[in-house]
Amino acid sequence: MAYVLYNIETTKLVPTADRWVKTFRSEAAAKSARTRNKLSPFEYEIAEASKFYAEIEKKEVRKNLMSGKEFTVGVNADYATCPSSETYWSS
């Protein structure tokens, strides 16, 4: 199982030391990261990754750069892999 540490209000993931790694191997590791970064448990919560992405993460509407159609994506989606970015279409 993997765990994530996120802001309760925005549901944005908390960046880790290695910015590409956004999950923790255990709940204890996520708790220690919250403590190390001096984050309040009233503002930052820990959840199982699969539950977070399926039920908790807020969604936002973006517009496809080429077709103009709107689509829904999670707030933690990487900008470079999203059809709403020029980077996605120029690679």
PDB file of N, CA and C in Angstrom:
ATOM      1  N   MET A   1       0.829  -1.182   0.000  1.00  0.00           N
ATOM      2  CA  MET A   1       0.000   0.000   0.000  1.00  0.00           C
ATOM      3  C   MET A   1       0.869   1.240   0.000  1.00  0.00           C
ATOM      4  N   ALA A   2       0.361   2.287  -0.594  1.00  0.00           N
ATOM      5  CA  ALA A   2       1.048   3.573  -0.612  1.00  0.00           C
ATOM      6  C   ALA A   2       0.153   4.605   0.069  1.00  0.00           C
ATOM      7  N   TYR A   3       0.778   5.601   0.648  1.00  0.00           N
ATOM      8  CA  TYR A   3       0.045   6.646   1.355  1.00  0.00           C
ATOM      9  C   TYR A   3       0.477   8.008   0.832  1.00  0.00           C
ATOM     10  N   VAL A   4      -0.447   8.975   0.921  1.00  0.00           N
ATOM     11  CA  VAL A   4      -0.146  10.343   0.503  1.00  0.00           C
ATOM     12  C   VAL A   4      -0.420  11.296   1.656  1.00  0.00           C
ATOM     13  N   LEU A   5       0.254  12.416   1.624  1.00  0.00           N
ATOM     14  CA  LEU A   5       0.086  13.485   2.594  1.00  0.00           C
ATOM     15  C   LEU A   5      -0.442  14.679   1.821  1.00  0.00           C
ATOM     16  N   TYR A   6      -1.598  15.199   2.204  1.00  0.00           N
ATOM     17  CA  TYR A   6      -2.240  16.253   1.422  1.00  0.00           C
ATOM     18  C   TYR A   6      -2.854  17.335   2.304  1.00  0.00           C
ATOM     19  N   ASN A   7      -3.051  18.507   1.706  1.00  0.00           N
ATOM     20  CA  ASN A   7      -3.708  19.627   2.366  1.00  0.00           C
ATOM     21  C   ASN A   7      -5.202  19.341   2.365  1.00  0.00           C
ATOM     22  N   ILE A   8      -5.839  19.414   3.509  1.00  0.00           N
ATOM     23  CA  ILE A   8      -7.256  19.078   3.629  1.00  0.00           C
ATOM     24  C   ILE A   8      -8.135  20.005   2.797  1.00  0.00           C
ATOM     25  N   GLU A   9      -7.839  21.298   2.791  1.00  0.00           N
ATOM     26  CA  GLU A   9      -8.672  22.279   2.090  1.00  0.00           C
ATOM     27  C   GLU A   9      -8.535  22.181   0.565  1.00  0.00           C
ATOM     28  N   THR A  10      -7.306  22.104   0.068  1.00  0.00           N
ATOM     29  CA  THR A  10      -7.079  22.133  -1.375  1.00  0.00           C
ATOM     30  C   THR A  10      -6.920  20.755  -1.995  1.00  0.00           C
ATOM     31  N   THR A  11      -6.634  19.761  -1.222  1.00  0.00           N
ATOM     32  CA  THR A  11      -6.290  18.380  -1.598  1.00  0.00           C
ATOM     33  C   THR A  11      -5.034  18.307  -2.463  1.00  0.00           C
ATOM     34  N   LYS A  12      -4.192  19.323  -2.413  1.00  0.00           N
ATOM     35  CA  LYS A  12      -2.908  19.263  -3.119  1.00  0.00           C
ATOM     36  C   LYS A  12      -1.932  18.452  -2.280  1.00  0.00           C
ATOM     37  N   LEU A  13      -1.144  17.628  -2.951  1.00  0.00           N
ATOM     38  CA  LEU A  13      -0.167  16.792  -2.270  1.00  0.00           C
ATOM     39  C   LEU A  13       0.988  17.634  -1.754  1.00  0.00           C
ATOM     40  N   VAL A  14       1.526  17.226  -0.632  1.00  0.00           N
ATOM     41  CA  VAL A  14       2.671  17.910  -0.041  1.00  0.00           C
ATOM     42  C   VAL A  14       3.927  17.436  -0.760  1.00  0.00           C
ATOM     43  N   PRO A  15       4.740  18.360  -1.273  1.00  0.00           N
ATOM     44  CA  PRO A  15       5.971  17.936  -1.953  1.00  0.00           C
ATOM     45  C   PRO A  15       6.944  17.302  -0.964  1.00  0.00           C
ATOM     46  N   THR A  16       7.630  16.282  -1.429  1.00  0.00           N
ATOM     47  CA  THR A  16       8.629  15.602  -0.600  1.00  0.00           C
ATOM     48  C   THR A  16      10.015  16.100  -1.003  1.00  0.00           C
ATOM     49  N   ALA A  17      11.034  15.579  -0.332  1.00  0.00           N
ATOM     50  CA  ALA A  17      12.406  15.985  -0.640  1.00  0.00           C
ATOM     51  C   ALA A  17      12.725  15.699  -2.112  1.00  0.00           C
ATOM     52  N   ASP A  18      12.291  14.545  -2.568  1.00  0.00           N
ATOM     53  CA  ASP A  18      12.439  14.206  -3.987  1.00  0.00           C
ATOM     54  C   ASP A  18      11.101  14.561  -4.633  1.00  0.00           C
ATOM     55  N   ARG A  19      11.039  15.640  -5.359  1.00  0.00           N
ATOM     56  CA  ARG A  19       9.768  16.181  -5.820  1.00  0.00           C
ATOM     57  C   ARG A  19       8.991  15.247  -6.736  1.00  0.00           C
ATOM     58  N   TRP A  20       9.621  14.213  -7.271  1.00  0.00           N
ATOM     59  CA  TRP A  20       8.919  13.277  -8.144  1.00  0.00           C
ATOM     60  C   TRP A  20       8.196  12.201  -7.348  1.00  0.00           C
ATOM     61  N   VAL A  21       8.605  12.001  -6.110  1.00  0.00           N
ATOM     62  CA  VAL A  21       7.981  10.980  -5.276  1.00  0.00           C
ATOM     63  C   VAL A  21       6.909  11.639  -4.426  1.00  0.00           C
ATOM     64  N   LYS A  22       5.643  11.255  -4.642  1.00  0.00           N
ATOM     65  CA  LYS A  22       4.556  11.863  -3.893  1.00  0.00           C
ATOM     66  C   LYS A  22       3.834  10.869  -3.006  1.00  0.00           C
ATOM     67  N   THR A  23       4.355   9.666  -2.911  1.00  0.00           N
ATOM     68  CA  THR A  23       3.738   8.665  -2.048  1.00  0.00           C
ATOM     69  C   THR A  23       4.750   8.158  -1.024  1.00  0.00           C
ATOM     70  N   PHE A  24       4.219   7.597   0.038  1.00  0.00           N
ATOM     71  CA  PHE A  24       5.034   7.023   1.105  1.00  0.00           C
ATOM     72  C   PHE A  24       4.713   5.540   1.200  1.00  0.00           C
ATOM     73  N   ARG A  25       5.685   4.734   1.580  1.00  0.00           N
ATOM     74  CA  ARG A  25       5.501   3.272   1.641  1.00  0.00           C
ATOM     75  C   ARG A  25       4.621   2.841   2.810  1.00  0.00           C
ATOM     76  N   SER A  26       4.579   3.655   3.857  1.00  0.00           N
ATOM     77  CA  SER A  26       3.760   3.290   5.015  1.00  0.00           C
ATOM     78  C   SER A  26       3.133   4.543   5.610  1.00  0.00           C
ATOM     79  N   GLU A  27       2.117   4.315   6.413  1.00  0.00           N
ATOM     80  CA  GLU A  27       1.454   5.430   7.089  1.00  0.00           C
ATOM     81  C   GLU A  27       2.414   6.092   8.077  1.00  0.00           C
ATOM     82  N   ALA A  28       3.258   5.304   8.701  1.00  0.00           N
ATOM     83  CA  ALA A  28       4.242   5.834   9.648  1.00  0.00           C
ATOM     84  C   ALA A  28       5.225   6.774   8.950  1.00  0.00           C
ATOM     85  N   ALA A  29       5.631   6.430   7.732  1.00  0.00           N
ATOM     86  CA  ALA A  29       6.543   7.294   6.970  1.00  0.00           C
ATOM     87  C   ALA A  29       5.863   8.623   6.635  1.00  0.00           C
ATOM     88  N   ALA A  30       4.593   8.580   6.298  1.00  0.00           N
ATOM     89  CA  ALA A  30       3.851   9.811   5.993  1.00  0.00           C
ATOM     90  C   ALA A  30       3.703  10.667   7.248  1.00  0.00           C
ATOM     91  N   LYS A  31       3.446  10.023   8.383  1.00  0.00           N
ATOM     92  CA  LYS A  31       3.331  10.760   9.645  1.00  0.00           C
ATOM     93  C   LYS A  31       4.652  11.408  10.022  1.00  0.00           C
ATOM     94  N   SER A  32       5.749  10.695   9.826  1.00  0.00           N
ATOM     95  CA  SER A  32       7.050  11.274  10.168  1.00  0.00           C
ATOM     96  C   SER A  32       7.396  12.425   9.233  1.00  0.00           C
ATOM     97  N   ALA A  33       6.990  12.348   7.975  1.00  0.00           N
ATOM     98  CA  ALA A  33       7.224  13.464   7.041  1.00  0.00           C
ATOM     99  C   ALA A  33       6.423  14.680   7.471  1.00  0.00           C
ATOM    100  N   ARG A  34       5.195  14.463   7.927  1.00  0.00           N
ATOM    101  CA  ARG A  34       4.368  15.573   8.415  1.00  0.00           C
ATOM    102  C   ARG A  34       5.022  16.214   9.630  1.00  0.00           C
ATOM    103  N   THR A  35       5.563  15.408  10.532  1.00  0.00           N
ATOM    104  CA  THR A  35       6.227  15.917  11.728  1.00  0.00           C
ATOM    105  C   THR A  35       7.525  16.642  11.373  1.00  0.00           C
ATOM    106  N   ARG A  36       8.332  16.032  10.484  1.00  0.00           N
ATOM    107  CA  ARG A  36       9.607  16.639  10.075  1.00  0.00           C
ATOM    108  C   ARG A  36       9.410  18.015   9.447  1.00  0.00           C
ATOM    109  N   ASN A  37       8.344  18.154   8.658  1.00  0.00           N
ATOM    110  CA  ASN A  37       8.075  19.421   7.979  1.00  0.00           C
ATOM    111  C   ASN A  37       7.255  20.386   8.827  1.00  0.00           C
ATOM    112  N   LYS A  38       6.980  19.994  10.077  1.00  0.00           N
ATOM    113  CA  LYS A  38       6.232  20.821  11.034  1.00  0.00           C
ATOM    114  C   LYS A  38       4.879  21.246  10.482  1.00  0.00           C
ATOM    115  N   LEU A  39       4.161  20.277   9.915  1.00  0.00           N
ATOM    116  CA  LEU A  39       2.839  20.528   9.354  1.00  0.00           C
ATOM    117  C   LEU A  39       1.782  20.128  10.377  1.00  0.00           C
ATOM    118  N   SER A  40       0.754  20.931  10.489  1.00  0.00           N
ATOM    119  CA  SER A  40      -0.305  20.693  11.455  1.00  0.00           C
ATOM    120  C   SER A  40      -1.215  19.549  11.006  1.00  0.00           C
ATOM    121  N   PRO A  41      -1.545  18.616  11.917  1.00  0.00           N
ATOM    122  CA  PRO A  41      -2.478  17.547  11.554  1.00  0.00           C
ATOM    123  C   PRO A  41      -3.898  18.062  11.316  1.00  0.00           C
ATOM    124  N   PHE A  42      -4.160  19.315  11.696  1.00  0.00           N
ATOM    125  CA  PHE A  42      -5.464  19.918  11.442  1.00  0.00           C
ATOM    126  C   PHE A  42      -5.553  20.487  10.026  1.00  0.00           C
ATOM    127  N   GLU A  43      -4.410  20.652   9.368  1.00  0.00           N
ATOM    128  CA  GLU A  43      -4.372  21.179   8.000  1.00  0.00           C
ATOM    129  C   GLU A  43      -3.939  20.131   6.980  1.00  0.00           C
ATOM    130  N   TYR A  44      -3.184  19.122   7.416  1.00  0.00           N
ATOM    131  CA  TYR A  44      -2.644  18.105   6.508  1.00  0.00           C
ATOM    132  C   TYR A  44      -3.036  16.723   6.979  1.00  0.00           C
ATOM    133  N   GLU A  45      -3.586  15.941   6.082  1.00  0.00           N
ATOM    134  CA  GLU A  45      -4.095  14.615   6.405  1.00  0.00           C
ATOM    135  C   GLU A  45      -3.340  13.552   5.613  1.00  0.00           C
ATOM    136  N   ILE A  46      -3.419  12.322   6.087  1.00  0.00           N
ATOM    137  CA  ILE A  46      -2.789  11.176   5.425  1.00  0.00           C
ATOM    138  C   ILE A  46      -3.901  10.237   4.968  1.00  0.00           C
ATOM    139  N   ALA A  47      -3.769   9.732   3.752  1.00  0.00           N
ATOM    140  CA  ALA A  47      -4.758   8.789   3.219  1.00  0.00           C
ATOM    141  C   ALA A  47      -4.064   7.745   2.360  1.00  0.00           C
ATOM    142  N   GLU A  48      -4.721   6.608   2.202  1.00  0.00           N
ATOM    143  CA  GLU A  48      -4.226   5.593   1.287  1.00  0.00           C
ATOM    144  C   GLU A  48      -4.345   6.163  -0.132  1.00  0.00           C
ATOM    145  N   ALA A  49      -3.330   5.970  -0.947  1.00  0.00           N
ATOM    146  CA  ALA A  49      -3.253   6.601  -2.263  1.00  0.00           C
ATOM    147  C   ALA A  49      -4.445   6.263  -3.156  1.00  0.00           C
ATOM    148  N   SER A  50      -4.830   5.002  -3.214  1.00  0.00           N
ATOM    149  CA  SER A  50      -5.940   4.628  -4.095  1.00  0.00           C
ATOM    150  C   SER A  50      -7.249   5.281  -3.663  1.00  0.00           C
ATOM    151  N   LYS A  51      -7.496   5.352  -2.363  1.00  0.00           N
ATOM    152  CA  LYS A  51      -8.703   6.014  -1.854  1.00  0.00           C
ATOM    153  C   LYS A  51      -8.637   7.513  -2.121  1.00  0.00           C
ATOM    154  N   PHE A  52      -7.458   8.105  -1.951  1.00  0.00           N
ATOM    155  CA  PHE A  52      -7.297   9.538  -2.182  1.00  0.00           C
ATOM    156  C   PHE A  52      -7.653   9.911  -3.616  1.00  0.00           C
ATOM    157  N   TYR A  53      -7.071   9.213  -4.588  1.00  0.00           N
ATOM    158  CA  TYR A  53      -7.310   9.545  -5.995  1.00  0.00           C
ATOM    159  C   TYR A  53      -8.744   9.237  -6.428  1.00  0.00           C
ATOM    160  N   ALA A  54      -9.380   8.225  -5.829  1.00  0.00           N
ATOM    161  CA  ALA A  54     -10.734   7.847  -6.221  1.00  0.00           C
ATOM    162  C   ALA A  54     -11.816   8.689  -5.553  1.00  0.00           C
ATOM    163  N   GLU A  55     -11.605   9.064  -4.286  1.00  0.00           N
ATOM    164  CA  GLU A  55     -12.684   9.677  -3.525  1.00  0.00           C
ATOM    165  C   GLU A  55     -12.415  11.080  -2.973  1.00  0.00           C
ATOM    166  N   ILE A  56     -11.174  11.401  -2.670  1.00  0.00           N
ATOM    167  CA  ILE A  56     -10.886  12.632  -1.936  1.00  0.00           C
ATOM    168  C   ILE A  56     -10.422  13.777  -2.828  1.00  0.00           C
ATOM    169  N   GLU A  57      -9.542  13.493  -3.783  1.00  0.00           N
ATOM    170  CA  GLU A  57      -8.917  14.543  -4.588  1.00  0.00           C
ATOM    171  C   GLU A  57      -9.960  15.373  -5.339  1.00  0.00           C
ATOM    172  N   LYS A  58      -9.846  16.699  -5.218  1.00  0.00           N
ATOM    173  CA  LYS A  58     -10.741  17.600  -5.936  1.00  0.00           C
ATOM    174  C   LYS A  58     -10.394  17.588  -7.420  1.00  0.00           C
ATOM    175  N   LYS A  59     -11.375  17.853  -8.235  1.00  0.00           N
ATOM    176  CA  LYS A  59     -11.193  17.888  -9.685  1.00  0.00           C
ATOM    177  C   LYS A  59     -11.335  19.328 -10.175  1.00  0.00           C
ATOM    178  N   GLU A  60     -10.700  19.614 -11.302  1.00  0.00           N
ATOM    179  CA  GLU A  60     -10.848  20.926 -11.926  1.00  0.00           C
ATOM    180  C   GLU A  60     -11.079  20.737 -13.423  1.00  0.00           C
ATOM    181  N   VAL A  61     -11.749  21.703 -14.013  1.00  0.00           N
ATOM    182  CA  VAL A  61     -12.057  21.645 -15.431  1.00  0.00           C
ATOM    183  C   VAL A  61     -10.991  22.418 -16.192  1.00  0.00           C
ATOM    184  N   ARG A  62     -10.430  21.775 -17.215  1.00  0.00           N
ATOM    185  CA  ARG A  62      -9.442  22.418 -18.078  1.00  0.00           C
ATOM    186  C   ARG A  62      -9.913  22.303 -19.520  1.00  0.00           C
ATOM    187  N   LYS A  63      -9.319  23.114 -20.371  1.00  0.00           N
ATOM    188  CA  LYS A  63      -9.701  23.117 -21.772  1.00  0.00           C
ATOM    189  C   LYS A  63      -8.565  22.552 -22.611  1.00  0.00           C
ATOM    190  N   ASN A  64      -8.909  21.606 -23.504  1.00  0.00           N
ATOM    191  CA  ASN A  64      -7.937  21.025 -24.410  1.00  0.00           C
ATOM    192  C   ASN A  64      -7.415  22.125 -25.325  1.00  0.00           C
ATOM    193  N   LEU A  65      -6.118  22.259 -25.412  1.00  0.00           N
ATOM    194  CA  LEU A  65      -5.491  23.333 -26.178  1.00  0.00           C
ATOM    195  C   LEU A  65      -5.780  23.228 -27.667  1.00  0.00           C
ATOM    196  N   MET A  66      -5.886  22.025 -28.202  1.00  0.00           N
ATOM    197  CA  MET A  66      -6.085  21.846 -29.637  1.00  0.00           C
ATOM    198  C   MET A  66      -7.563  21.830 -30.041  1.00  0.00           C
ATOM    199  N   SER A  67      -8.375  21.093 -29.324  1.00  0.00           N
ATOM    200  CA  SER A  67      -9.776  20.955 -29.727  1.00  0.00           C
ATOM    201  C   SER A  67     -10.697  21.975 -29.062  1.00  0.00           C
ATOM    202  N   GLY A  68     -10.273  22.516 -27.938  1.00  0.00           N
ATOM    203  CA  GLY A  68     -11.103  23.482 -27.214  1.00  0.00           C
ATOM    204  C   GLY A  68     -12.138  22.834 -26.312  1.00  0.00           C
ATOM    205  N   LYS A  69     -12.206  21.506 -26.291  1.00  0.00           N
ATOM    206  CA  LYS A  69     -13.171  20.808 -25.449  1.00  0.00           C
ATOM    207  C   LYS A  69     -12.697  20.823 -23.998  1.00  0.00           C
ATOM    208  N   GLU A  70     -13.663  20.900 -23.094  1.00  0.00           N
ATOM    209  CA  GLU A  70     -13.339  20.888 -21.677  1.00  0.00           C
ATOM    210  C   GLU A  70     -13.280  19.453 -21.169  1.00  0.00           C
ATOM    211  N   PHE A  71     -12.408  19.218 -20.187  1.00  0.00           N
ATOM    212  CA  PHE A  71     -12.284  17.906 -19.550  1.00  0.00           C
ATOM    213  C   PHE A  71     -11.945  18.102 -18.089  1.00  0.00           C
ATOM    214  N   THR A  72     -12.167  17.068 -17.307  1.00  0.00           N
ATOM    215  CA  THR A  72     -11.936  17.121 -15.868  1.00  0.00           C
ATOM    216  C   THR A  72     -10.664  16.365 -15.525  1.00  0.00           C
ATOM    217  N   VAL A  73      -9.872  16.956 -14.636  1.00  0.00           N
ATOM    218  CA  VAL A  73      -8.621  16.342 -14.209  1.00  0.00           C
ATOM    219  C   VAL A  73      -8.410  16.673 -12.731  1.00  0.00           C
ATOM    220  N   GLY A  74      -7.701  15.814 -12.017  1.00  0.00           N
ATOM    221  CA  GLY A  74      -7.410  16.050 -10.599  1.00  0.00           C
ATOM    222  C   GLY A  74      -6.477  17.239 -10.418  1.00  0.00           C
ATOM    223  N   VAL A  75      -6.569  17.910  -9.281  1.00  0.00           N
ATOM    224  CA  VAL A  75      -5.746  19.093  -9.035  1.00  0.00           C
ATOM    225  C   VAL A  75      -4.254  18.775  -8.962  1.00  0.00           C
ATOM    226  N   ASN A  76      -3.895  17.513  -8.767  1.00  0.00           N
ATOM    227  CA  ASN A  76      -2.488  17.123  -8.692  1.00  0.00           C
ATOM    228  C   ASN A  76      -1.931  16.611 -10.011  1.00  0.00           C
ATOM    229  N   ALA A  77      -2.695  16.726 -11.086  1.00  0.00           N
ATOM    230  CA  ALA A  77      -2.231  16.243 -12.393  1.00  0.00           C
ATOM    231  C   ALA A  77      -1.016  17.055 -12.841  1.00  0.00           C
ATOM    232  N   ASP A  78      -0.046  16.346 -13.394  1.00  0.00           N
ATOM    233  CA  ASP A  78       1.171  16.987 -13.878  1.00  0.00           C
ATOM    234  C   ASP A  78       0.848  17.835 -15.111  1.00  0.00           C
ATOM    235  N   TYR A  79       1.256  19.074 -15.109  1.00  0.00           N
ATOM    236  CA  TYR A  79       0.933  19.998 -16.198  1.00  0.00           C
ATOM    237  C   TYR A  79       1.496  19.530 -17.535  1.00  0.00           C
ATOM    238  N   ALA A  80       2.684  18.977 -17.542  1.00  0.00           N
ATOM    239  CA  ALA A  80       3.329  18.577 -18.794  1.00  0.00           C
ATOM    240  C   ALA A  80       2.642  17.392 -19.467  1.00  0.00           C
ATOM    241  N   THR A  81       1.875  16.615 -18.716  1.00  0.00           N
ATOM    242  CA  THR A  81       1.185  15.459 -19.294  1.00  0.00           C
ATOM    243  C   THR A  81      -0.301  15.731 -19.511  1.00  0.00           C
ATOM    244  N   CYS A  82      -0.675  16.980 -19.505  1.00  0.00           N
ATOM    245  CA  CYS A  82      -2.079  17.362 -19.637  1.00  0.00           C
ATOM    246  C   CYS A  82      -2.328  18.015 -21.004  1.00  0.00           C
ATOM    247  N   PRO A  83      -3.370  17.623 -21.729  1.00  0.00           N
ATOM    248  CA  PRO A  83      -3.653  18.198 -23.047  1.00  0.00           C
ATOM    249  C   PRO A  83      -3.970  19.694 -23.036  1.00  0.00           C
ATOM    250  N   SER A  84      -4.059  20.291 -21.856  1.00  0.00           N
ATOM    251  CA  SER A  84      -4.316  21.731 -21.792  1.00  0.00           C
ATOM    252  C   SER A  84      -3.027  22.546 -21.833  1.00  0.00           C
ATOM    253  N   SER A  85      -1.881  21.861 -21.913  1.00  0.00           N
ATOM    254  CA  SER A  85      -0.610  22.572 -21.913  1.00  0.00           C
ATOM    255  C   SER A  85       0.086  22.512 -23.272  1.00  0.00           C
ATOM    256  N   GLU A  86       0.822  23.545 -23.572  1.00  0.00           N
ATOM    257  CA  GLU A  86       1.576  23.573 -24.814  1.00  0.00           C
ATOM    258  C   GLU A  86       2.686  22.529 -24.796  1.00  0.00           C
ATOM    259  N   THR A  87       3.246  22.268 -23.629  1.00  0.00           N
ATOM    260  CA  THR A  87       4.299  21.282 -23.484  1.00  0.00           C
ATOM    261  C   THR A  87       3.820  19.900 -23.932  1.00  0.00           C
ATOM    262  N   TYR A  88       2.602  19.561 -23.611  1.00  0.00           N
ATOM    263  CA  TYR A  88       2.027  18.271 -23.993  1.00  0.00           C
ATOM    264  C   TYR A  88       2.000  18.116 -25.505  1.00  0.00           C
ATOM    265  N   TRP A  89       1.606  19.152 -26.212  1.00  0.00           N
ATOM    266  CA  TRP A  89       1.437  19.075 -27.664  1.00  0.00           C
ATOM    267  C   TRP A  89       2.742  19.277 -28.432  1.00  0.00           C
ATOM    268  N   SER A  90       3.749  19.850 -27.810  1.00  0.00           N
ATOM    269  CA  SER A  90       4.994  20.128 -28.536  1.00  0.00           C
ATOM    270  C   SER A  90       6.041  19.030 -28.397  1.00  0.00           C
ATOM    271  N   SER A  91       5.768  18.013 -27.589  1.00  0.00           N
ATOM    272  CA  SER A  91       6.775  16.954 -27.407  1.00  0.00           C
ATOM    273  C   SER A  91       6.663  15.852 -28.426  1.00  0.00           C
TER     274      SER A  91
END
